[in-house]
Amino acid sequence: MSGVYIYTIHGCPYCAKAKKLLLSRHVPFQEVDVTEDHETRKWLRQVTGKSTVPQTFVNGQPVGGYADLDAIDKAGRLGRVMFGR
């Protein structure tokens, strides 16, 4: 899986904040709505150790949820994490 993927559920305010942050920084991403996808949510828990959404992956590696993205952005590292620069 290459690129940026964000796993969300319908109506989640933190999912909306994460997408807004990525859009504001011009980070192209693919959204995966897992509202009714219990198997993918189970997989997310196994891979990330978290049961919360959103969960963001870059090139197949988990980056975290909204708070993680916000902290990375505030530290000035979002471009490096998302684009390798």
N, C-alpha and C. Protein backbone atom coordinates (compact mmCIF):
# COMPACT_ATOMS: atom_id res chain seq x y z
N MET A 1 0.85 -1.17 0.00
CA MET A 1 0.00 0.00 0.00
C MET A 1 0.90 1.24 0.00
N SER A 2 0.94 1.94 -1.10
CA SER A 2 1.74 3.16 -1.13
C SER A 2 0.81 4.36 -1.09
N GLY A 3 1.33 5.46 -0.60
CA GLY A 3 0.54 6.67 -0.46
C GLY A 3 -0.01 6.81 0.94
N VAL A 4 -0.92 7.77 1.09
CA VAL A 4 -1.50 8.09 2.38
C VAL A 4 -2.94 7.59 2.41
N TYR A 5 -3.26 6.79 3.41
CA TYR A 5 -4.61 6.28 3.62
C TYR A 5 -5.08 6.71 4.99
N ILE A 6 -6.33 7.16 5.06
CA ILE A 6 -6.90 7.52 6.35
C ILE A 6 -8.19 6.73 6.53
N TYR A 7 -8.25 5.97 7.60
CA TYR A 7 -9.40 5.13 7.92
C TYR A 7 -10.31 5.91 8.85
N THR A 8 -11.57 6.03 8.45
CA THR A 8 -12.52 6.88 9.15
C THR A 8 -13.84 6.15 9.38
N ILE A 9 -14.68 6.76 10.22
CA ILE A 9 -16.08 6.33 10.33
C ILE A 9 -16.96 7.56 10.13
N HIS A 10 -18.16 7.32 9.69
CA HIS A 10 -19.12 8.38 9.42
C HIS A 10 -19.45 9.15 10.70
N GLY A 11 -19.42 10.46 10.62
CA GLY A 11 -19.82 11.30 11.74
C GLY A 11 -18.75 11.54 12.79
N CYS A 12 -17.54 11.09 12.56
CA CYS A 12 -16.46 11.22 13.54
C CYS A 12 -15.82 12.61 13.44
N PRO A 13 -15.89 13.43 14.49
CA PRO A 13 -15.32 14.78 14.40
C PRO A 13 -13.79 14.77 14.27
N TYR A 14 -13.12 13.80 14.87
CA TYR A 14 -11.66 13.74 14.75
C TYR A 14 -11.24 13.30 13.35
N CYS A 15 -12.07 12.47 12.73
CA CYS A 15 -11.80 12.09 11.34
C CYS A 15 -11.89 13.32 10.45
N ALA A 16 -12.92 14.13 10.67
CA ALA A 16 -13.09 15.36 9.88
C ALA A 16 -11.91 16.31 10.11
N LYS A 17 -11.45 16.43 11.35
CA LYS A 17 -10.30 17.30 11.64
C LYS A 17 -9.03 16.79 10.97
N ALA A 18 -8.83 15.49 10.99
CA ALA A 18 -7.63 14.91 10.36
C ALA A 18 -7.65 15.15 8.86
N LYS A 19 -8.80 14.93 8.22
CA LYS A 19 -8.90 15.17 6.78
C LYS A 19 -8.69 16.64 6.45
N LYS A 20 -9.25 17.51 7.27
CA LYS A 20 -9.09 18.96 7.05
C LYS A 20 -7.62 19.35 7.16
N LEU A 21 -6.92 18.79 8.14
CA LEU A 21 -5.49 19.08 8.32
C LEU A 21 -4.70 18.63 7.10
N LEU A 22 -4.94 17.40 6.65
CA LEU A 22 -4.22 16.89 5.48
C LEU A 22 -4.52 17.74 4.24
N LEU A 23 -5.78 18.09 4.05
CA LEU A 23 -6.15 18.92 2.91
C LEU A 23 -5.49 20.30 2.98
N SER A 24 -5.43 20.87 4.18
CA SER A 24 -4.83 22.21 4.33
C SER A 24 -3.34 22.20 4.04
N ARG A 25 -2.71 21.04 4.15
CA ARG A 25 -1.27 20.90 3.88
C ARG A 25 -1.02 20.27 2.51
N HIS A 26 -2.10 20.16 1.73
CA HIS A 26 -2.01 19.63 0.35
C HIS A 26 -1.46 18.21 0.30
N VAL A 27 -1.85 17.41 1.27
CA VAL A 27 -1.44 16.00 1.30
C VAL A 27 -2.53 15.19 0.62
N PRO A 28 -2.23 14.59 -0.52
CA PRO A 28 -3.23 13.73 -1.16
C PRO A 28 -3.40 12.44 -0.35
N PHE A 29 -4.65 12.05 -0.18
CA PHE A 29 -4.90 10.84 0.60
C PHE A 29 -6.11 10.11 0.06
N GLN A 30 -6.18 8.85 0.41
CA GLN A 30 -7.33 8.02 0.08
C GLN A 30 -8.07 7.75 1.38
N GLU A 31 -9.34 8.10 1.43
CA GLU A 31 -10.15 7.83 2.62
C GLU A 31 -10.78 6.45 2.51
N VAL A 32 -10.72 5.71 3.61
CA VAL A 32 -11.35 4.40 3.68
C VAL A 32 -12.37 4.45 4.82
N ASP A 33 -13.64 4.45 4.47
CA ASP A 33 -14.72 4.51 5.46
C ASP A 33 -14.95 3.10 6.00
N VAL A 34 -14.71 2.92 7.28
CA VAL A 34 -14.85 1.60 7.91
C VAL A 34 -16.03 1.56 8.88
N THR A 35 -17.00 2.46 8.65
CA THR A 35 -18.16 2.54 9.54
C THR A 35 -18.82 1.18 9.73
N GLU A 36 -19.04 0.46 8.67
CA GLU A 36 -19.72 -0.85 8.73
C GLU A 36 -18.77 -2.01 8.43
N ASP A 37 -17.48 -1.73 8.35
CA ASP A 37 -16.50 -2.75 7.96
C ASP A 37 -15.78 -3.28 9.21
N HIS A 38 -16.41 -4.22 9.87
CA HIS A 38 -15.89 -4.72 11.14
C HIS A 38 -14.57 -5.48 10.98
N GLU A 39 -14.38 -6.14 9.85
CA GLU A 39 -13.13 -6.88 9.62
C GLU A 39 -11.95 -5.91 9.50
N THR A 40 -12.14 -4.82 8.77
CA THR A 40 -11.05 -3.85 8.64
C THR A 40 -10.79 -3.17 9.96
N ARG A 41 -11.82 -2.89 10.74
CA ARG A 41 -11.62 -2.28 12.06
C ARG A 41 -10.85 -3.23 12.99
N LYS A 42 -11.14 -4.51 12.88
CA LYS A 42 -10.40 -5.52 13.66
C LYS A 42 -8.93 -5.51 13.23
N TRP A 43 -8.69 -5.47 11.93
CA TRP A 43 -7.32 -5.40 11.40
C TRP A 43 -6.61 -4.14 11.90
N LEU A 44 -7.30 -3.00 11.90
CA LEU A 44 -6.69 -1.75 12.39
C LEU A 44 -6.26 -1.90 13.85
N ARG A 45 -7.11 -2.51 14.67
CA ARG A 45 -6.76 -2.73 16.09
C ARG A 45 -5.52 -3.60 16.22
N GLN A 46 -5.43 -4.63 15.38
CA GLN A 46 -4.28 -5.53 15.43
C GLN A 46 -3.00 -4.81 15.01
N VAL A 47 -3.08 -4.01 13.96
CA VAL A 47 -1.89 -3.36 13.40
C VAL A 47 -1.44 -2.16 14.23
N THR A 48 -2.41 -1.38 14.72
CA THR A 48 -2.06 -0.13 15.43
C THR A 48 -2.09 -0.27 16.94
N GLY A 49 -2.78 -1.28 17.43
CA GLY A 49 -2.95 -1.41 18.88
C GLY A 49 -3.98 -0.44 19.43
N LYS A 50 -4.71 0.23 18.54
CA LYS A 50 -5.72 1.23 18.96
C LYS A 50 -7.06 0.87 18.34
N SER A 51 -8.12 1.19 19.06
CA SER A 51 -9.46 0.93 18.54
C SER A 51 -10.14 2.21 18.08
N THR A 52 -9.40 3.30 18.05
CA THR A 52 -9.98 4.58 17.68
C THR A 52 -9.72 4.92 16.22
N VAL A 53 -10.54 5.81 15.70
CA VAL A 53 -10.33 6.37 14.37
C VAL A 53 -10.29 7.89 14.53
N PRO A 54 -9.66 8.56 13.61
CA PRO A 54 -9.06 8.04 12.40
C PRO A 54 -7.74 7.34 12.69
N GLN A 55 -7.32 6.53 11.74
CA GLN A 55 -5.98 5.96 11.74
C GLN A 55 -5.39 6.26 10.37
N THR A 56 -4.19 6.80 10.36
CA THR A 56 -3.54 7.21 9.13
C THR A 56 -2.33 6.33 8.88
N PHE A 57 -2.17 5.93 7.63
CA PHE A 57 -1.03 5.12 7.20
C PHE A 57 -0.33 5.84 6.06
N VAL A 58 1.00 5.80 6.09
CA VAL A 58 1.80 6.34 5.00
C VAL A 58 2.67 5.20 4.48
N ASN A 59 2.48 4.88 3.21
CA ASN A 59 3.22 3.78 2.58
C ASN A 59 3.15 2.50 3.41
N GLY A 60 1.95 2.23 3.93
CA GLY A 60 1.71 1.00 4.67
C GLY A 60 2.11 1.03 6.13
N GLN A 61 2.68 2.13 6.60
CA GLN A 61 3.12 2.24 7.99
C GLN A 61 2.15 3.11 8.78
N PRO A 62 1.70 2.66 9.96
CA PRO A 62 0.78 3.47 10.75
C PRO A 62 1.46 4.73 11.29
N VAL A 63 0.76 5.84 11.16
CA VAL A 63 1.26 7.12 11.66
C VAL A 63 0.48 7.55 12.90
N GLY A 64 -0.80 7.20 12.96
CA GLY A 64 -1.60 7.52 14.13
C GLY A 64 -2.89 8.21 13.77
N GLY A 65 -3.52 8.78 14.78
CA GLY A 65 -4.79 9.45 14.63
C GLY A 65 -4.63 10.96 14.51
N TYR A 66 -5.73 11.67 14.75
CA TYR A 66 -5.70 13.12 14.58
C TYR A 66 -4.68 13.78 15.51
N ALA A 67 -4.66 13.40 16.77
CA ALA A 67 -3.73 14.03 17.72
C ALA A 67 -2.29 13.82 17.28
N ASP A 68 -1.99 12.65 16.74
CA ASP A 68 -0.64 12.37 16.25
C ASP A 68 -0.31 13.24 15.04
N LEU A 69 -1.24 13.33 14.09
CA LEU A 69 -1.02 14.18 12.92
C LEU A 69 -0.84 15.64 13.32
N ASP A 70 -1.67 16.10 14.24
CA ASP A 70 -1.58 17.48 14.70
C ASP A 70 -0.23 17.76 15.36
N ALA A 71 0.25 16.83 16.18
CA ALA A 71 1.55 17.00 16.83
C ALA A 71 2.68 17.00 15.81
N ILE A 72 2.60 16.12 14.82
CA ILE A 72 3.62 16.07 13.77
C ILE A 72 3.62 17.39 12.99
N ASP A 73 2.42 17.89 12.69
CA ASP A 73 2.31 19.16 11.97
C ASP A 73 2.88 20.31 12.79
N LYS A 74 2.52 20.39 14.05
CA LYS A 74 3.00 21.48 14.92
C LYS A 74 4.51 21.42 15.12
N ALA A 75 5.08 20.23 15.00
CA ALA A 75 6.54 20.08 15.11
C ALA A 75 7.23 20.40 13.79
N GLY A 76 6.44 20.69 12.75
CA GLY A 76 7.01 21.03 11.45
C GLY A 76 7.51 19.82 10.67
N ARG A 77 7.02 18.64 11.00
CA ARG A 77 7.51 17.42 10.36
C ARG A 77 6.50 16.74 9.44
N LEU A 78 5.35 17.36 9.22
CA LEU A 78 4.31 16.69 8.44
C LEU A 78 4.78 16.41 7.02
N GLY A 79 5.43 17.36 6.38
CA GLY A 79 5.93 17.15 5.02
C GLY A 79 6.92 16.00 4.95
N ARG A 80 7.79 15.91 5.93
CA ARG A 80 8.79 14.83 5.95
C ARG A 80 8.12 13.47 6.14
N VAL A 81 7.15 13.42 7.02
CA VAL A 81 6.46 12.15 7.29
C VAL A 81 5.62 11.73 6.09
N MET A 82 4.93 12.69 5.48
CA MET A 82 4.02 12.38 4.38
C MET A 82 4.72 12.20 3.04
N PHE A 83 5.74 13.02 2.82
CA PHE A 83 6.38 13.05 1.50
C PHE A 83 7.86 12.65 1.52
N GLY A 84 8.39 12.38 2.70
CA GLY A 84 9.81 12.04 2.78
C GLY A 84 10.72 13.23 2.57
N ARG A 85 10.19 14.45 2.80
CA ARG A 85 11.03 15.65 2.65
C ARG A 85 10.85 16.59 3.81
